[in-house]
Amino acid sequence: MQAEVLAQTLLGNRTKYDRGIIFNSAKFLDIEYQTYGSVLSKLREGETSFYWEDKDHKRCFRIVYRKTDRTVVGVNLLGIRMRHQVWERWIKNKKTIEYVLEHLEETNFDPELYKKYEKEIIEKFNNENPGKTIKLKKNKTFYKMFAFQG
């Protein structure tokens, strides 16, 4: 994106740089690491977070959201691979923590080959947040690709 803005500017078409949603995705040996949005080491005023870690301590999920409107501002993933486009859309469209968790299956990068952790993540969230129970909604996008179009 920076190169495109620079090229347009050099060609005389002043173009504003819009960095979009901040993200970082890397792989260290066999460990996936991803960050989407804003996940600071010290939460800002008005923010809170939810943290899940698998029983082997090899995978974790941390999501930061606002206390007032519960909109997600960022997520950190370690050992889990998720889709950048989905997280970018959710953060940009100010989706709530409840919405994100209900639709977490949409972020599966390769559902056939990777273990899924959505149910475990939601179970822990529900245990820590009694009241409204979050339920995982099935990702219908995958099934629509194969549906009969008559």
C-alpha atoms as a PDB file:
ATOM      1  CA  MET A   1       0.000   0.000   0.000  1.00  0.00           C
ATOM      2  CA  GLN A   2       2.843   2.377   0.814  1.00  0.00           C
ATOM      3  CA  ALA A   3       4.461   1.693  -2.566  1.00  0.00           C
ATOM      4  CA  GLU A   4       1.197   2.380  -4.410  1.00  0.00           C
ATOM      5  CA  VAL A   5       0.737   5.720  -2.618  1.00  0.00           C
ATOM      6  CA  LEU A   6       4.346   6.675  -3.317  1.00  0.00           C
ATOM      7  CA  ALA A   7       4.040   5.750  -7.000  1.00  0.00           C
ATOM      8  CA  GLN A   8       0.825   7.754  -7.404  1.00  0.00           C
ATOM      9  CA  THR A   9       2.361  10.747  -5.618  1.00  0.00           C
ATOM     10  CA  LEU A  10       5.499  10.604  -7.792  1.00  0.00           C
ATOM     11  CA  LEU A  11       3.256  10.540 -10.873  1.00  0.00           C
ATOM     12  CA  GLY A  12       1.614  13.764  -9.716  1.00  0.00           C
ATOM     13  CA  ASN A  13      -1.537  12.196  -8.237  1.00  0.00           C
ATOM     14  CA  ARG A  14      -1.333  13.205  -4.582  1.00  0.00           C
ATOM     15  CA  THR A  15      -2.726  10.215  -2.734  1.00  0.00           C
ATOM     16  CA  LYS A  16      -3.452   9.954   0.967  1.00  0.00           C
ATOM     17  CA  TYR A  17      -1.985   6.900   2.678  1.00  0.00           C
ATOM     18  CA  ASP A  18      -4.601   4.894   4.571  1.00  0.00           C
ATOM     19  CA  ARG A  19      -2.802   2.174   6.495  1.00  0.00           C
ATOM     20  CA  GLY A  20      -6.023   0.328   7.275  1.00  0.00           C
ATOM     21  CA  ILE A  21      -6.201  -2.087  10.170  1.00  0.00           C
ATOM     22  CA  ILE A  22      -2.773  -2.802  11.662  1.00  0.00           C
ATOM     23  CA  PHE A  23      -1.698  -6.425  11.368  1.00  0.00           C
ATOM     24  CA  ASN A  24       1.316  -8.667  11.698  1.00  0.00           C
ATOM     25  CA  SER A  25       1.537 -12.279  10.662  1.00  0.00           C
ATOM     26  CA  ALA A  26       4.645 -14.400  11.020  1.00  0.00           C
ATOM     27  CA  LYS A  27       5.747 -17.982  11.340  1.00  0.00           C
ATOM     28  CA  PHE A  28       8.622 -18.978  13.596  1.00  0.00           C
ATOM     29  CA  LEU A  29       9.590 -22.559  12.730  1.00  0.00           C
ATOM     30  CA  ASP A  30       6.249 -24.320  13.241  1.00  0.00           C
ATOM     31  CA  ILE A  31       4.555 -21.632  15.360  1.00  0.00           C
ATOM     32  CA  GLU A  32       2.058 -19.232  13.810  1.00  0.00           C
ATOM     33  CA  TYR A  33       1.843 -15.725  15.258  1.00  0.00           C
ATOM     34  CA  GLN A  34      -0.766 -13.164  14.227  1.00  0.00           C
ATOM     35  CA  THR A  35      -1.971  -9.791  15.476  1.00  0.00           C
ATOM     36  CA  TYR A  36      -4.871  -7.847  14.002  1.00  0.00           C
ATOM     37  CA  GLY A  37      -5.901  -4.413  15.217  1.00  0.00           C
ATOM     38  CA  SER A  38      -4.654  -2.846  18.426  1.00  0.00           C
ATOM     39  CA  VAL A  39      -3.425  -5.179  21.177  1.00  0.00           C
ATOM     40  CA  LEU A  40      -1.172  -3.266  23.526  1.00  0.00           C
ATOM     41  CA  SER A  41       0.789  -4.788  26.409  1.00  0.00           C
ATOM     42  CA  LYS A  42      -1.063  -2.390  28.730  1.00  0.00           C
ATOM     43  CA  LEU A  43      -4.758  -1.960  27.994  1.00  0.00           C
ATOM     44  CA  ARG A  44      -6.050   1.553  27.354  1.00  0.00           C
ATOM     45  CA  GLU A  45      -8.660   3.052  29.617  1.00  0.00           C
ATOM     46  CA  GLY A  46     -12.060   1.605  28.763  1.00  0.00           C
ATOM     47  CA  GLU A  47     -10.640  -1.613  27.282  1.00  0.00           C
ATOM     48  CA  THR A  48     -10.705  -5.146  28.600  1.00  0.00           C
ATOM     49  CA  SER A  49      -9.543  -8.459  27.236  1.00  0.00           C
ATOM     50  CA  PHE A  50     -10.336 -12.144  27.171  1.00  0.00           C
ATOM     51  CA  TYR A  51      -7.578 -14.758  27.131  1.00  0.00           C
ATOM     52  CA  TRP A  52      -7.692 -18.468  26.254  1.00  0.00           C
ATOM     53  CA  GLU A  53      -4.832 -20.956  26.211  1.00  0.00           C
ATOM     54  CA  ASP A  54      -4.920 -24.638  25.245  1.00  0.00           C
ATOM     55  CA  LYS A  55      -4.096 -27.341  27.784  1.00  0.00           C
ATOM     56  CA  ASP A  56      -0.648 -27.936  26.205  1.00  0.00           C
ATOM     57  CA  HIS A  57       0.262 -24.223  26.546  1.00  0.00           C
ATOM     58  CA  LYS A  58       1.213 -24.099  22.852  1.00  0.00           C
ATOM     59  CA  ARG A  59      -1.698 -22.051  21.517  1.00  0.00           C
ATOM     60  CA  CYS A  60      -3.362 -18.924  22.805  1.00  0.00           C
ATOM     61  CA  PHE A  61      -5.979 -16.381  21.827  1.00  0.00           C
ATOM     62  CA  ARG A  62      -6.268 -12.897  23.316  1.00  0.00           C
ATOM     63  CA  ILE A  63      -8.961 -10.512  22.184  1.00  0.00           C
ATOM     64  CA  VAL A  64      -9.233  -6.873  23.284  1.00  0.00           C
ATOM     65  CA  TYR A  65     -12.563  -5.037  23.276  1.00  0.00           C
ATOM     66  CA  ARG A  66     -14.167  -1.901  24.637  1.00  0.00           C
ATOM     67  CA  LYS A  67     -16.096  -2.203  27.883  1.00  0.00           C
ATOM     68  CA  THR A  68     -18.863   0.208  26.904  1.00  0.00           C
ATOM     69  CA  ASP A  69     -20.013  -0.960  23.461  1.00  0.00           C
ATOM     70  CA  ARG A  70     -18.071  -4.280  23.552  1.00  0.00           C
ATOM     71  CA  THR A  71     -16.555  -3.683  20.102  1.00  0.00           C
ATOM     72  CA  VAL A  72     -13.422  -5.630  19.282  1.00  0.00           C
ATOM     73  CA  VAL A  73     -10.283  -3.533  18.763  1.00  0.00           C
ATOM     74  CA  GLY A  74      -7.705  -6.297  18.310  1.00  0.00           C
ATOM     75  CA  VAL A  75      -6.639  -9.906  18.663  1.00  0.00           C
ATOM     76  CA  ASN A  76      -3.390 -11.835  19.242  1.00  0.00           C
ATOM     77  CA  LEU A  77      -3.036 -15.447  18.133  1.00  0.00           C
ATOM     78  CA  LEU A  78      -0.200 -17.816  18.857  1.00  0.00           C
ATOM     79  CA  GLY A  79      -0.153 -21.278  17.299  1.00  0.00           C
ATOM     80  CA  ILE A  80      -3.506 -20.771  15.572  1.00  0.00           C
ATOM     81  CA  ARG A  81      -3.894 -19.666  11.962  1.00  0.00           C
ATOM     82  CA  MET A  82      -6.845 -17.407  11.105  1.00  0.00           C
ATOM     83  CA  ARG A  83      -7.980 -15.376   8.102  1.00  0.00           C
ATOM     84  CA  HIS A  84      -6.718 -11.801   7.896  1.00  0.00           C
ATOM     85  CA  GLN A  85      -9.644 -10.586   5.772  1.00  0.00           C
ATOM     86  CA  VAL A  86     -12.221 -11.694   8.339  1.00  0.00           C
ATOM     87  CA  TRP A  87     -10.474 -10.006  11.284  1.00  0.00           C
ATOM     88  CA  GLU A  88      -9.945  -6.845   9.265  1.00  0.00           C
ATOM     89  CA  ARG A  89     -13.651  -6.721   8.353  1.00  0.00           C
ATOM     90  CA  TRP A  90     -14.792  -7.346  11.938  1.00  0.00           C
ATOM     91  CA  ILE A  91     -12.525  -4.690  13.428  1.00  0.00           C
ATOM     92  CA  LYS A  92     -13.322  -2.140  10.715  1.00  0.00           C
ATOM     93  CA  ASN A  93     -17.079  -2.756  11.100  1.00  0.00           C
ATOM     94  CA  LYS A  94     -16.863  -2.573  14.904  1.00  0.00           C
ATOM     95  CA  LYS A  95     -18.253  -6.038  15.613  1.00  0.00           C
ATOM     96  CA  THR A  96     -18.858  -6.920  19.265  1.00  0.00           C
ATOM     97  CA  ILE A  97     -17.029  -9.601  21.204  1.00  0.00           C
ATOM     98  CA  GLU A  98     -20.228 -11.654  21.225  1.00  0.00           C
ATOM     99  CA  TYR A  99     -20.614 -11.437  17.438  1.00  0.00           C
ATOM    100  CA  VAL A 100     -16.971 -12.328  16.851  1.00  0.00           C
ATOM    101  CA  LEU A 101     -17.094 -15.376  19.119  1.00  0.00           C
ATOM    102  CA  GLU A 102     -20.367 -16.602  17.607  1.00  0.00           C
ATOM    103  CA  HIS A 103     -18.824 -16.369  14.117  1.00  0.00           C
ATOM    104  CA  LEU A 104     -15.305 -17.473  15.038  1.00  0.00           C
ATOM    105  CA  GLU A 105     -15.525 -20.430  12.661  1.00  0.00           C
ATOM    106  CA  GLU A 106     -15.350 -17.949   9.726  1.00  0.00           C
ATOM    107  CA  THR A 107     -11.719 -17.280  10.588  1.00  0.00           C
ATOM    108  CA  ASN A 108     -10.569 -20.864   9.982  1.00  0.00           C
ATOM    109  CA  PHE A 109      -7.711 -20.662   7.541  1.00  0.00           C
ATOM    110  CA  ASP A 110      -7.768 -24.310   6.543  1.00  0.00           C
ATOM    111  CA  PRO A 111     -10.598 -26.149   8.291  1.00  0.00           C
ATOM    112  CA  GLU A 112      -9.656 -29.526   6.802  1.00  0.00           C
ATOM    113  CA  LEU A 113      -6.099 -29.683   8.104  1.00  0.00           C
ATOM    114  CA  TYR A 114      -6.033 -27.649  11.331  1.00  0.00           C
ATOM    115  CA  LYS A 115      -7.537 -28.477  14.690  1.00  0.00           C
ATOM    116  CA  LYS A 116     -10.358 -26.144  15.650  1.00  0.00           C
ATOM    117  CA  TYR A 117     -10.447 -24.408  19.031  1.00  0.00           C
ATOM    118  CA  GLU A 118     -13.600 -22.306  18.720  1.00  0.00           C
ATOM    119  CA  LYS A 119     -15.719 -24.411  21.077  1.00  0.00           C
ATOM    120  CA  GLU A 120     -13.045 -24.394  23.793  1.00  0.00           C
ATOM    121  CA  ILE A 121     -12.601 -20.620  23.453  1.00  0.00           C
ATOM    122  CA  ILE A 122     -16.347 -19.974  23.680  1.00  0.00           C
ATOM    123  CA  GLU A 123     -16.751 -22.374  26.614  1.00  0.00           C
ATOM    124  CA  LYS A 124     -14.122 -20.467  28.618  1.00  0.00           C
ATOM    125  CA  PHE A 125     -15.676 -17.106  27.683  1.00  0.00           C
ATOM    126  CA  ASN A 126     -19.115 -18.321  28.800  1.00  0.00           C
ATOM    127  CA  ASN A 127     -17.683 -19.601  32.096  1.00  0.00           C
ATOM    128  CA  GLU A 128     -16.039 -16.235  32.776  1.00  0.00           C
ATOM    129  CA  ASN A 129     -19.061 -14.215  31.632  1.00  0.00           C
ATOM    130  CA  PRO A 130     -22.227 -15.772  33.034  1.00  0.00           C
ATOM    131  CA  GLY A 131     -25.517 -14.404  31.837  1.00  0.00           C
ATOM    132  CA  LYS A 132     -25.846 -14.469  28.094  1.00  0.00           C
ATOM    133  CA  THR A 133     -24.492 -17.713  26.653  1.00  0.00           C
ATOM    134  CA  ILE A 134     -22.548 -17.444  23.392  1.00  0.00           C
ATOM    135  CA  LYS A 135     -23.161 -20.230  20.877  1.00  0.00           C
ATOM    136  CA  LEU A 136     -21.013 -20.938  17.841  1.00  0.00           C
ATOM    137  CA  LYS A 137     -22.827 -20.329  14.549  1.00  0.00           C
ATOM    138  CA  LYS A 138     -21.882 -22.609  11.683  1.00  0.00           C
ATOM    139  CA  ASN A 139     -19.933 -21.066   8.825  1.00  0.00           C
ATOM    140  CA  LYS A 140     -22.447 -21.263   5.978  1.00  0.00           C
ATOM    141  CA  THR A 141     -20.064 -19.716   3.434  1.00  0.00           C
ATOM    142  CA  PHE A 142     -18.281 -23.048   2.929  1.00  0.00           C
ATOM    143  CA  TYR A 143     -21.536 -24.890   2.335  1.00  0.00           C
ATOM    144  CA  LYS A 144     -22.873 -22.245  -0.065  1.00  0.00           C
ATOM    145  CA  MET A 145     -19.962 -22.946  -2.421  1.00  0.00           C
ATOM    146  CA  PHE A 146     -21.328 -26.450  -3.025  1.00  0.00           C
ATOM    147  CA  ALA A 147     -25.070 -25.757  -2.852  1.00  0.00           C
ATOM    148  CA  PHE A 148     -27.144 -26.485  -5.936  1.00  0.00           C
ATOM    149  CA  GLN A 149     -27.782 -23.276  -7.842  1.00  0.00           C
ATOM    150  CA  GLY A 150     -30.998 -24.133  -9.725  1.00  0.00           C
END
